[in-house]
Amino acid sequence: MKITVVGASGIMGSKIVRELERAGQTVNGVSTSTGVDAYSGDGVQAALAEADVVIDVTNSGSFGDSNALDFFKQAGKNLLAAAKHAGVGHYLALSVVATDRLVENDYFRAKMVQENLIRASGLPYTIVRSAQFFEFFDGIINLAGDGNDLRLSPSLVRPISADEASTLIARIMVGAPRNDIVEIAGPEAIQLDQLAREILTATEDPRSIAIDPDAPFFGVELARTTLLPGTNAVAGTVTFHDWLSRSMMAA
């Protein structure tokens, strides 16, 4: 089986490539740094020409980037057209848990467009919606800064380590296309404010945390369960507490 990972130079792309190579798979990792530009289409058809499986982990900007819609729409069209031309047997794309409940935000609205393009393509596909990665939460909570405080919703999340997410994606990839959404998440739910407290304690950050049920998450007001996956989510095993403890010891 020949696998092409598009977006291979990113955090998740590079981890997925390593995971697949460790499993003995034949992997072609491509990105703009290798001359393959999903947005412009440059090099895309050649990169996918012999692929049996495509893993799409392309990304654009931040969660608040208004250019995301243009990127995911154009990149999606280019990649899907090349995949159809190549006769790809499984198109797997990485998305985000709760994407369909966060469409007030430009980024998540763009991810919904990407998902819809994949569903309409006629290709055998799997959309993997992942919970937020542990590695990103330091940046996420900093966006909640309000002077010397952090103002955070007590909404629940089930974050997952990027390493475990890449392992689960590699396992899902070798199975048959689901033609549906598969969710992956960490083993336990934790409130956003509690997660932030763990980070501040571990990093000796003196800022205080104010709990505010109306505090937005990337501009979207949250119910308590908005960010949680469904009951059938594939679960990792590493808790945020254990991951953070190991990360601090390794620093």
Protein backbone atom coordinates (compact mmCIF):
# COMPACT_ATOMS: atom_id res chain seq x y z
CA MET A 1 0.00 0.00 0.00
CA LYS A 2 1.32 3.42 -0.99
CA ILE A 3 0.34 6.27 1.30
CA THR A 4 0.69 9.97 0.60
CA VAL A 5 0.51 12.33 3.57
CA VAL A 6 -0.30 15.89 2.47
CA GLY A 7 0.84 18.47 4.99
CA ALA A 8 3.69 16.26 6.14
CA SER A 9 5.87 19.09 7.45
CA GLY A 10 3.32 20.15 10.09
CA ILE A 11 3.15 18.90 13.67
CA MET A 12 0.59 16.19 12.98
CA GLY A 13 1.78 15.39 9.48
CA SER A 14 5.34 14.69 10.61
CA LYS A 15 4.11 12.53 13.50
CA ILE A 16 1.82 10.51 11.24
CA VAL A 17 4.63 9.93 8.73
CA ARG A 18 6.92 8.65 11.50
CA GLU A 19 4.17 6.42 12.91
CA LEU A 20 3.46 4.86 9.52
CA GLU A 21 7.14 4.36 8.73
CA ARG A 22 7.65 2.63 12.07
CA ALA A 23 4.84 0.28 11.08
CA GLY A 24 6.66 -0.56 7.85
CA GLN A 25 4.35 1.35 5.51
CA THR A 26 5.50 2.99 2.29
CA VAL A 27 4.92 6.70 2.88
CA ASN A 28 5.34 9.73 0.66
CA GLY A 29 5.25 12.82 2.84
CA VAL A 30 4.58 15.99 0.84
CA SER A 31 4.08 19.66 1.67
CA THR A 32 4.91 23.08 0.31
CA SER A 33 8.51 22.46 1.41
CA THR A 34 8.69 19.53 -1.03
CA GLY A 35 7.12 21.52 -3.88
CA VAL A 36 3.53 20.34 -3.38
CA ASP A 37 1.14 23.23 -2.78
CA ALA A 38 -2.41 22.05 -2.07
CA TYR A 39 -3.81 25.57 -2.39
CA SER A 40 -2.30 26.48 -5.78
CA GLY A 41 -2.39 22.90 -7.01
CA ASP A 42 1.31 22.89 -7.91
CA GLY A 43 2.70 19.35 -7.76
CA VAL A 44 -0.51 17.85 -6.38
CA GLN A 45 -1.43 15.53 -9.23
CA ALA A 46 2.08 14.09 -9.46
CA ALA A 47 2.27 13.62 -5.67
CA LEU A 48 -0.97 11.63 -5.58
CA ALA A 49 -0.52 9.78 -8.87
CA GLU A 50 0.41 6.39 -7.38
CA ALA A 51 -1.25 6.71 -3.97
CA ASP A 52 -3.59 4.05 -2.65
CA VAL A 53 -4.34 6.14 0.43
CA VAL A 54 -4.22 9.90 0.96
CA ILE A 55 -4.02 11.40 4.44
CA ASP A 56 -4.94 15.07 4.32
CA VAL A 57 -3.61 17.04 7.29
CA THR A 58 -3.31 20.36 5.47
CA ASN A 59 -3.99 23.40 7.58
CA SER A 60 -4.24 27.15 7.25
CA GLY A 61 -3.54 29.82 9.81
CA SER A 62 -5.16 30.02 13.22
CA PHE A 63 -8.68 29.34 14.48
CA GLY A 64 -9.49 33.01 13.92
CA ASP A 65 -8.04 33.28 10.42
CA SER A 66 -10.64 34.64 7.99
CA ASN A 67 -8.62 33.24 5.06
CA ALA A 68 -9.30 29.67 6.18
CA LEU A 69 -12.44 29.27 4.06
CA ASP A 70 -10.65 30.17 0.85
CA PHE A 71 -7.79 27.84 1.72
CA PHE A 72 -9.80 24.75 2.64
CA LYS A 73 -12.21 25.20 -0.26
CA GLN A 74 -9.50 25.54 -2.91
CA ALA A 75 -7.05 23.06 -1.41
CA GLY A 76 -9.86 20.55 -0.94
CA LYS A 77 -10.96 20.83 -4.56
CA ASN A 78 -7.39 20.41 -5.82
CA LEU A 79 -6.61 17.41 -3.63
CA LEU A 80 -9.90 15.63 -4.23
CA ALA A 81 -9.67 16.08 -8.00
CA ALA A 82 -6.15 14.64 -8.01
CA ALA A 83 -7.22 11.78 -5.74
CA LYS A 84 -10.11 10.89 -8.03
CA HIS A 85 -7.83 11.04 -11.08
CA ALA A 86 -5.42 8.65 -9.33
CA GLY A 87 -8.14 6.25 -8.24
CA VAL A 88 -7.29 6.62 -4.55
CA GLY A 89 -9.02 3.95 -2.48
CA HIS A 90 -9.14 5.78 0.85
CA TYR A 91 -9.11 9.52 1.48
CA LEU A 92 -8.61 10.28 5.17
CA ALA A 93 -8.79 13.86 6.43
CA LEU A 94 -8.09 15.30 9.86
CA SER A 95 -10.76 17.56 11.31
CA VAL A 96 -11.75 18.74 14.79
CA VAL A 97 -14.25 17.47 17.35
CA ALA A 98 -17.29 19.80 17.55
CA THR A 99 -16.56 21.41 14.18
CA ASP A 100 -20.28 21.36 13.39
CA ARG A 101 -21.08 23.15 16.68
CA LEU A 102 -18.49 25.92 16.29
CA VAL A 103 -19.39 27.30 12.87
CA GLU A 104 -19.74 30.86 14.21
CA ASN A 105 -15.94 30.85 13.98
CA ASP A 106 -14.45 31.27 10.49
CA TYR A 107 -11.96 28.42 10.91
CA PHE A 108 -14.52 25.82 11.93
CA ARG A 109 -16.94 26.98 9.25
CA ALA A 110 -14.11 26.40 6.76
CA LYS A 111 -13.49 22.91 8.18
CA MET A 112 -17.18 22.10 7.62
CA VAL A 113 -16.79 23.13 3.99
CA GLN A 114 -13.75 20.87 3.69
CA GLU A 115 -15.71 17.96 5.21
CA ASN A 116 -18.64 18.55 2.87
CA LEU A 117 -16.38 18.58 -0.18
CA ILE A 118 -14.98 15.21 0.86
CA ARG A 119 -18.45 13.72 1.39
CA ALA A 120 -19.58 14.95 -2.04
CA SER A 121 -16.45 13.77 -3.87
CA GLY A 122 -17.54 10.18 -4.44
CA LEU A 123 -14.23 8.95 -3.00
CA PRO A 124 -14.14 6.31 -0.25
CA TYR A 125 -13.30 8.42 2.79
CA THR A 126 -12.88 8.71 6.53
CA ILE A 127 -13.07 12.03 8.35
CA VAL A 128 -11.22 11.85 11.67
CA ARG A 129 -12.38 14.53 14.06
CA SER A 130 -9.80 14.83 16.82
CA ALA A 131 -10.22 16.51 20.17
CA GLN A 132 -7.85 19.39 20.85
CA PHE A 133 -4.21 18.38 21.35
CA PHE A 134 -2.53 18.75 24.73
CA GLU A 135 0.32 20.57 23.03
CA PHE A 136 -1.91 23.45 21.93
CA PHE A 137 -3.54 24.34 25.23
CA ASP A 138 -0.87 26.71 26.44
CA GLY A 139 -1.64 28.90 23.44
CA ILE A 140 -5.39 28.38 23.78
CA ILE A 141 -5.55 29.57 27.37
CA ASN A 142 -3.33 32.56 26.64
CA LEU A 143 -6.01 33.78 24.25
CA ALA A 144 -8.32 33.96 27.27
CA GLY A 145 -6.14 36.64 28.89
CA ASP A 146 -7.98 39.54 30.53
CA GLY A 147 -5.35 41.80 32.08
CA ASN A 148 -3.64 39.74 34.77
CA ASP A 149 -6.41 37.16 34.74
CA LEU A 150 -7.55 34.37 32.49
CA ARG A 151 -11.29 34.25 31.92
CA LEU A 152 -12.37 30.75 31.00
CA SER A 153 -15.53 28.77 30.55
CA PRO A 154 -16.03 25.71 32.78
CA SER A 155 -16.99 23.72 29.67
CA LEU A 156 -15.63 20.21 29.38
CA VAL A 157 -12.97 19.01 26.93
CA ARG A 158 -11.40 15.59 26.29
CA PRO A 159 -8.00 16.57 24.91
CA ILE A 160 -5.52 14.07 23.50
CA SER A 161 -1.78 14.03 23.01
CA ALA A 162 -0.61 14.60 19.45
CA ASP A 163 1.46 11.40 19.64
CA GLU A 164 -1.55 9.28 20.58
CA ALA A 165 -3.66 11.00 17.95
CA SER A 166 -1.11 10.13 15.25
CA THR A 167 -1.09 6.49 16.41
CA LEU A 168 -4.88 6.28 16.29
CA ILE A 169 -5.02 7.92 12.86
CA ALA A 170 -2.49 5.41 11.53
CA ARG A 171 -4.64 2.55 12.87
CA ILE A 172 -7.81 3.97 11.35
CA MET A 173 -6.04 4.47 8.03
CA VAL A 174 -5.24 0.79 7.54
CA GLY A 175 -8.88 -0.17 7.98
CA ALA A 176 -11.63 0.10 5.41
CA PRO A 177 -12.93 3.59 4.61
CA ARG A 178 -15.79 4.44 6.96
CA ASN A 179 -17.53 6.90 4.64
CA ASP A 180 -18.35 8.64 7.86
CA ILE A 181 -16.85 10.57 10.77
CA VAL A 182 -14.67 8.89 13.41
CA GLU A 183 -13.91 10.85 16.58
CA ILE A 184 -10.76 10.45 18.67
CA ALA A 185 -10.18 11.95 22.11
CA GLY A 186 -8.32 11.56 25.37
CA PRO A 187 -9.40 9.21 28.15
CA GLU A 188 -11.06 11.76 30.43
CA ALA A 189 -13.07 14.96 30.40
CA ILE A 190 -11.73 18.03 32.20
CA GLN A 191 -13.06 21.57 32.57
CA LEU A 192 -11.22 24.23 30.60
CA ASP A 193 -10.55 26.24 33.76
CA GLN A 194 -9.18 23.19 35.61
CA LEU A 195 -6.90 22.36 32.71
CA ALA A 196 -5.64 25.94 32.74
CA ARG A 197 -4.95 25.74 36.48
CA GLU A 198 -2.77 22.67 35.93
CA ILE A 199 -0.74 24.53 33.32
CA LEU A 200 -0.35 27.66 35.45
CA THR A 201 0.69 25.61 38.50
CA ALA A 202 3.20 23.55 36.52
CA THR A 203 4.76 26.64 34.91
CA GLU A 204 4.60 28.78 38.07
CA ASP A 205 2.50 31.33 36.23
CA PRO A 206 1.08 33.86 38.75
CA ARG A 207 -2.02 34.77 36.78
CA SER A 208 -5.39 34.02 38.33
CA ILE A 209 -8.30 32.29 36.66
CA ALA A 210 -11.85 33.60 36.64
CA ILE A 211 -14.60 31.15 35.76
CA ASP A 212 -17.09 32.70 33.38
CA PRO A 213 -19.77 30.53 31.74
CA ASP A 214 -20.11 33.21 29.07
CA ALA A 215 -16.40 33.31 28.20
CA PRO A 216 -16.07 32.55 24.48
CA PHE A 217 -13.93 29.85 22.90
CA PHE A 218 -12.49 31.39 19.73
CA GLY A 219 -15.46 33.71 19.66
CA VAL A 220 -18.08 31.02 20.28
CA GLU A 221 -20.12 30.76 23.49
CA LEU A 222 -20.07 27.23 24.87
CA ALA A 223 -22.54 24.97 26.59
CA ARG A 224 -20.98 22.59 29.10
CA THR A 225 -20.69 19.73 26.59
CA THR A 226 -20.12 21.65 23.32
CA LEU A 227 -16.50 20.51 22.93
CA LEU A 228 -17.02 16.86 23.88
CA PRO A 229 -17.02 14.02 21.35
CA GLY A 230 -19.83 11.49 21.15
CA THR A 231 -19.99 8.31 23.20
CA ASN A 232 -18.40 6.22 20.43
CA ALA A 233 -15.17 8.21 20.25
CA VAL A 234 -11.95 6.18 20.06
CA ALA A 235 -10.11 6.96 23.28
CA GLY A 236 -6.44 7.40 23.99
CA THR A 237 -4.90 6.34 27.30
CA VAL A 238 -2.67 9.27 28.35
CA THR A 239 -4.26 11.83 30.68
CA PHE A 240 -3.47 15.51 30.47
CA HIS A 241 -2.01 15.43 34.01
CA ASP A 242 0.40 12.61 33.16
CA TRP A 243 1.41 14.19 29.85
CA LEU A 244 2.05 17.57 31.50
CA SER A 245 4.09 15.98 34.29
CA ARG A 246 6.29 14.14 31.80
CA SER A 247 6.65 17.25 29.65
CA MET A 248 7.80 19.34 32.63
CA MET A 249 10.34 16.71 33.68
CA ALA A 250 11.72 16.54 30.14
CA ALA A 251 12.03 20.31 29.81
